[in-house]
Amino acid sequence: MIEDSNHFTVKIVSEDIYIIQEDISIVNAIYTNDPINLYLILGARRALLIDTGCGICPLKPIIDALIDDRQLTVINSHAHWDHILGNNEFEEVYIHENEAHIVSNPYDLSHNKDIFEIYSKRNYKIPACEKIKTLKHGDVFNLDTRKIEVIHTPGHSSGSICLLLGNQELFTGDVAYYGDQFLPSKQKIPLIEQTLLQLIDMVKKRNIQKIYPSHQQTPCTIDLLTELLEGIQRIEKLWQEKRSHRQFFSWIIEDPFNKKFRYIISRF
């Protein structure tokens, strides 16, 4: 790892929520979704960390300084590399049962050495956390006087989750954010639409006011979910405008109706 005290930016959202940000573009300028947002939620005796980032610089010393003597729980929102490569700094990590097998082994980045050159001194293989625990939809984590509910939201990946803090704040991982949308194959887009519809319904029914995505602007309102759904629903009409993206092995579609999004759709 690179020792760089300026790598992370720590922001205070409220007395019990911190955002720890790092720029994914440091890995490669091809990634434009700066910053990555990691979230630390504090209770009186417990703390919860959402995601561990790119694993470029040590994260744990920052977390340790913020939590004091609180007991820490670490959860991955999903198993994509920019959310899990700091896992090995922690004793145990929770992740949805669909993706536990991915984070249980060293993460191999050698399939695209041009993009991941920054990891070359580590032979493109990042160690896994020694202890992986699984979670599922409906699981609840107690944070002293508040509860955090796990909501399985597949689409971006099979094990993507959102976390609901009380009935007030929703942490969406990569399920919803402004920026380049990395999507599965076109055949799976209806699943993304279904997930977004369910989230919109829940946000309205529970009157959730703040949404915390894992990239770019944060916090957001329900507008993020509705704008993203509208954009996803436009992909079929825009499909003829797609172009090939060689480095991502994907199709890329610009959205002329909402410049906040681009859609990067896997060919596989």
Protein backbone atom coordinates (compact mmCIF):
# COMPACT_ATOMS: atom_id res chain seq x y z
CA MET A 1 0.00 0.00 0.00
CA ILE A 2 0.99 3.62 -0.53
CA GLU A 3 1.39 5.71 2.62
CA ASP A 4 -0.31 9.02 1.84
CA SER A 5 -1.97 11.02 4.58
CA ASN A 6 -3.81 13.12 1.98
CA HIS A 7 -5.32 10.21 0.07
CA PHE A 8 -8.63 10.21 1.94
CA THR A 9 -10.89 13.15 2.66
CA VAL A 10 -13.04 12.89 5.79
CA LYS A 11 -16.28 14.87 5.98
CA ILE A 12 -18.79 15.12 8.81
CA VAL A 13 -22.39 14.76 7.66
CA SER A 14 -23.92 14.77 11.12
CA GLU A 15 -22.85 13.94 14.64
CA ASP A 16 -23.06 10.23 13.83
CA ILE A 17 -22.24 9.94 10.10
CA TYR A 18 -18.85 10.46 8.47
CA ILE A 19 -17.99 10.22 4.77
CA ILE A 20 -14.50 8.98 3.90
CA GLN A 21 -13.81 9.83 0.27
CA GLU A 22 -11.14 8.72 -2.20
CA ASP A 23 -10.79 9.38 -5.92
CA ILE A 24 -11.18 6.32 -8.11
CA SER A 25 -9.45 8.24 -10.92
CA ILE A 26 -6.16 7.75 -9.05
CA VAL A 27 -6.33 4.13 -10.17
CA ASN A 28 -6.87 5.18 -13.78
CA ALA A 29 -8.27 8.33 -15.38
CA ILE A 30 -10.67 6.14 -17.34
CA TYR A 31 -12.78 6.06 -14.16
CA THR A 32 -14.67 9.33 -13.73
CA ASN A 33 -16.95 8.62 -10.76
CA ASP A 34 -14.95 10.63 -8.23
CA PRO A 35 -15.18 10.44 -5.36
CA ILE A 36 -15.93 7.04 -3.91
CA ASN A 37 -17.96 7.55 -0.73
CA LEU A 38 -17.31 5.23 2.19
CA TYR A 39 -19.60 5.74 5.16
CA LEU A 40 -18.92 5.40 8.86
CA ILE A 41 -21.96 5.43 11.15
CA LEU A 42 -21.39 5.86 14.88
CA GLY A 43 -23.47 4.66 17.78
CA ALA A 44 -22.66 5.07 21.46
CA ARG A 45 -20.80 1.75 21.68
CA ARG A 46 -20.88 0.41 18.12
CA ALA A 47 -19.89 1.65 14.69
CA LEU A 48 -20.58 0.45 11.16
CA LEU A 49 -18.39 0.98 8.07
CA ILE A 50 -19.91 0.68 4.60
CA ASP A 51 -17.27 -0.44 2.05
CA THR A 52 -13.48 -0.36 2.25
CA GLY A 53 -12.50 1.30 -1.03
CA CYS A 54 -9.68 0.73 -3.51
CA GLY A 55 -7.06 -0.58 -1.11
CA ILE A 56 -4.43 1.87 -2.31
CA CYS A 57 -3.73 3.55 1.04
CA PRO A 58 -4.34 2.30 4.60
CA LEU A 59 -7.93 2.95 5.66
CA LYS A 60 -8.00 1.33 9.08
CA PRO A 61 -5.92 3.99 10.90
CA ILE A 62 -8.48 6.61 9.87
CA ILE A 63 -11.39 4.45 11.00
CA ASP A 64 -9.70 3.59 14.30
CA ALA A 65 -9.17 7.27 15.07
CA LEU A 66 -12.85 8.04 14.43
CA ILE A 67 -14.46 5.17 16.32
CA ASP A 68 -12.33 5.33 19.51
CA ASP A 69 -13.21 2.17 21.47
CA ARG A 70 -16.46 1.38 19.66
CA GLN A 71 -17.02 -2.13 18.32
CA LEU A 72 -16.79 -2.02 14.51
CA THR A 73 -18.87 -3.89 11.94
CA VAL A 74 -17.76 -3.74 8.29
CA ILE A 75 -20.21 -4.33 5.43
CA ASN A 76 -19.54 -4.45 1.68
CA SER A 77 -22.37 -3.00 -0.39
CA HIS A 78 -21.31 -5.40 -3.17
CA ALA A 79 -18.20 -7.17 -4.44
CA HIS A 80 -16.83 -4.81 -7.11
CA TRP A 81 -13.15 -4.02 -6.72
CA ASP A 82 -13.44 -0.34 -5.76
CA HIS A 83 -15.56 -1.24 -2.73
CA ILE A 84 -13.69 -4.22 -1.29
CA LEU A 85 -9.92 -3.95 -1.78
CA GLY A 86 -9.40 -2.59 1.73
CA ASN A 87 -11.17 -5.59 3.29
CA ASN A 88 -7.92 -7.26 4.32
CA GLU A 89 -7.25 -4.49 6.85
CA PHE A 90 -10.20 -5.64 8.97
CA GLU A 91 -10.83 -8.77 11.04
CA GLU A 92 -14.16 -9.64 9.46
CA VAL A 93 -16.44 -8.32 6.73
CA TYR A 94 -20.11 -8.92 5.93
CA ILE A 95 -21.42 -9.20 2.38
CA HIS A 96 -24.55 -10.55 0.70
CA GLU A 97 -24.54 -14.32 0.41
CA ASN A 98 -24.62 -14.14 -3.41
CA GLU A 99 -21.17 -12.58 -3.53
CA ALA A 100 -19.36 -14.01 -0.52
CA HIS A 101 -17.33 -16.33 -2.75
CA ILE A 102 -15.83 -13.33 -4.57
CA VAL A 103 -14.42 -11.63 -1.48
CA SER A 104 -13.33 -14.86 0.20
CA ASN A 105 -10.34 -15.17 -2.12
CA PRO A 106 -7.58 -12.80 -3.23
CA TYR A 107 -8.92 -10.36 -5.81
CA ASP A 108 -7.09 -10.74 -9.13
CA LEU A 109 -6.76 -7.59 -11.24
CA SER A 110 -4.34 -9.07 -13.79
CA HIS A 111 -7.09 -9.41 -16.43
CA ASN A 112 -6.58 -5.74 -17.30
CA LYS A 113 -3.05 -4.71 -16.37
CA ASP A 114 -3.21 -1.52 -18.43
CA ILE A 115 -6.00 -0.13 -16.26
CA PHE A 116 -4.73 -1.48 -12.94
CA GLU A 117 -1.02 -0.63 -13.27
CA ILE A 118 -1.07 0.97 -9.82
CA TYR A 119 -1.41 -2.54 -8.33
CA SER A 120 1.55 -3.99 -10.25
CA LYS A 121 3.91 -3.96 -7.24
CA ARG A 122 1.40 -6.22 -5.50
CA ASN A 123 1.36 -8.57 -8.48
CA TYR A 124 -2.22 -7.45 -9.21
CA LYS A 125 -3.53 -9.69 -6.41
CA ILE A 126 -5.06 -8.13 -3.33
CA PRO A 127 -5.45 -10.34 -0.24
CA ALA A 128 -8.92 -11.06 1.10
CA CYS A 129 -10.22 -10.53 4.61
CA GLU A 130 -9.65 -13.70 6.61
CA LYS A 131 -13.19 -13.90 7.96
CA ILE A 132 -16.18 -13.34 5.67
CA LYS A 133 -19.72 -13.43 7.04
CA THR A 134 -22.85 -13.49 4.90
CA LEU A 135 -25.98 -11.40 5.16
CA LYS A 136 -29.33 -11.49 3.40
CA HIS A 137 -32.41 -9.39 2.78
CA GLY A 138 -34.12 -8.39 6.00
CA ASP A 139 -31.13 -8.82 8.29
CA VAL A 140 -30.86 -6.12 10.94
CA PHE A 141 -27.74 -4.74 12.63
CA ASN A 142 -28.16 -2.99 15.95
CA LEU A 143 -26.32 0.27 16.35
CA ASP A 144 -27.22 0.88 19.97
CA THR A 145 -30.48 2.89 19.84
CA ARG A 146 -30.80 2.68 16.03
CA LYS A 147 -31.14 -0.21 13.62
CA ILE A 148 -29.71 -0.76 10.15
CA GLU A 149 -31.80 -2.92 7.84
CA VAL A 150 -30.36 -4.85 4.87
CA ILE A 151 -32.30 -4.51 1.61
CA HIS A 152 -31.28 -6.82 -1.22
CA THR A 153 -31.29 -4.74 -4.41
CA PRO A 154 -29.93 -6.86 -7.28
CA GLY A 155 -29.17 -5.42 -10.70
CA HIS A 156 -25.86 -3.60 -10.57
CA SER A 157 -24.61 -6.95 -9.27
CA SER A 158 -26.34 -10.05 -7.96
CA GLY A 159 -25.46 -9.30 -4.36
CA SER A 160 -25.91 -5.53 -4.29
CA ILE A 161 -27.56 -4.22 -1.15
CA CYS A 162 -28.86 -0.98 0.27
CA LEU A 163 -28.77 -0.19 3.98
CA LEU A 164 -31.58 1.67 5.71
CA LEU A 165 -30.64 3.55 8.87
CA GLY A 166 -33.76 3.85 10.98
CA ASN A 167 -36.48 5.19 8.70
CA GLN A 168 -34.51 8.26 7.78
CA GLU A 169 -31.43 7.56 5.69
CA LEU A 170 -30.80 5.16 2.81
CA PHE A 171 -27.31 4.09 1.73
CA THR A 172 -27.55 2.87 -1.87
CA GLY A 173 -24.05 1.62 -2.71
CA ASP A 174 -23.79 1.43 -6.50
CA VAL A 175 -27.50 0.73 -6.94
CA ALA A 176 -28.07 4.46 -7.48
CA TYR A 177 -25.66 7.35 -7.91
CA TYR A 178 -24.99 10.15 -10.38
CA GLY A 179 -22.27 9.43 -12.95
CA ASP A 180 -21.23 6.57 -15.22
CA GLN A 181 -23.56 3.63 -14.62
CA PHE A 182 -21.79 0.27 -14.85
CA LEU A 183 -24.57 -2.09 -15.79
CA PRO A 184 -24.85 -5.82 -16.48
CA SER A 185 -25.87 -7.14 -19.88
CA LYS A 186 -28.87 -5.64 -21.64
CA GLN A 187 -30.96 -8.71 -20.81
CA LYS A 188 -30.71 -7.91 -17.09
CA ILE A 189 -31.83 -4.28 -17.33
CA PRO A 190 -35.47 -5.15 -16.42
CA LEU A 191 -34.15 -6.35 -13.04
CA ILE A 192 -32.54 -2.94 -12.45
CA GLU A 193 -35.83 -1.23 -13.31
CA GLN A 194 -37.69 -3.47 -10.86
CA THR A 195 -35.19 -2.73 -8.10
CA LEU A 196 -35.42 1.04 -8.64
CA LEU A 197 -39.21 0.93 -8.65
CA GLN A 198 -39.20 -0.93 -5.34
CA LEU A 199 -36.77 1.56 -3.81
CA ILE A 200 -38.82 4.54 -5.00
CA ASP A 201 -41.94 2.99 -3.47
CA MET A 202 -40.14 2.36 -0.17
CA VAL A 203 -38.67 5.88 -0.02
CA LYS A 204 -42.11 7.39 -0.57
CA LYS A 205 -43.89 5.16 1.95
CA ARG A 206 -41.28 5.66 4.66
CA ASN A 207 -40.73 9.33 3.85
CA ILE A 208 -36.96 8.87 3.58
CA GLN A 209 -35.36 12.28 3.11
CA LYS A 210 -31.69 11.53 2.49
CA ILE A 211 -30.02 9.08 0.12
CA TYR A 212 -26.30 8.39 0.37
CA PRO A 213 -24.73 6.91 -2.80
CA SER A 214 -21.27 5.39 -3.08
CA HIS A 215 -20.09 7.78 -5.82
CA GLN A 216 -20.11 11.48 -6.57
CA GLN A 217 -22.80 13.74 -5.11
CA THR A 218 -23.99 12.95 -1.59
CA PRO A 219 -26.44 13.18 0.05
CA CYS A 220 -29.20 13.13 -2.55
CA THR A 221 -32.99 13.11 -2.60
CA ILE A 222 -35.50 10.75 -4.18
CA ASP A 223 -34.82 12.62 -7.44
CA LEU A 224 -31.72 10.46 -7.85
CA LEU A 225 -33.84 7.31 -7.98
CA THR A 226 -36.49 8.74 -10.30
CA GLU A 227 -33.96 10.30 -12.68
CA LEU A 228 -31.94 7.09 -12.85
CA LEU A 229 -35.05 4.99 -13.49
CA GLU A 230 -36.09 7.30 -16.32
CA GLY A 231 -32.61 7.03 -17.79
CA ILE A 232 -32.49 3.24 -17.55
CA GLN A 233 -35.86 3.08 -19.26
CA ARG A 234 -34.45 5.15 -22.15
CA ILE A 235 -31.68 2.66 -22.93
CA GLU A 236 -33.83 0.64 -25.32
CA LYS A 237 -34.63 3.74 -27.40
CA LEU A 238 -30.99 4.83 -27.35
CA TRP A 239 -29.59 1.38 -28.13
CA GLN A 240 -28.78 2.20 -31.76
CA GLU A 241 -26.56 5.04 -30.51
CA LYS A 242 -24.26 2.72 -28.57
CA ARG A 243 -20.55 2.56 -29.25
CA SER A 244 -17.93 0.06 -28.22
CA HIS A 245 -15.76 0.62 -25.16
CA ARG A 246 -12.75 -1.64 -25.64
CA GLN A 247 -11.16 -1.28 -22.20
CA PHE A 248 -14.37 -2.07 -20.33
CA PHE A 249 -15.47 -4.82 -22.77
CA SER A 250 -18.77 -2.97 -22.88
CA TRP A 251 -21.15 -0.80 -24.83
CA ILE A 252 -21.39 2.85 -23.86
CA ILE A 253 -24.45 5.05 -24.37
CA GLU A 254 -24.59 8.80 -23.82
CA ASP A 255 -27.87 10.17 -22.47
CA PRO A 256 -28.80 13.35 -24.37
CA PHE A 257 -31.76 13.91 -22.02
CA ASN A 258 -29.81 13.82 -18.76
CA LYS A 259 -26.10 14.61 -18.82
CA LYS A 260 -25.73 13.35 -15.26
CA PHE A 261 -25.61 9.78 -16.55
CA ARG A 262 -23.78 7.59 -19.04
CA TYR A 263 -24.58 3.91 -19.37
CA ILE A 264 -21.74 1.39 -19.63
CA ILE A 265 -23.38 -1.93 -20.42
CA SER A 266 -21.54 -5.23 -20.29
CA ARG A 267 -21.39 -7.28 -23.48
CA PHE A 268 -21.49 -10.49 -21.45
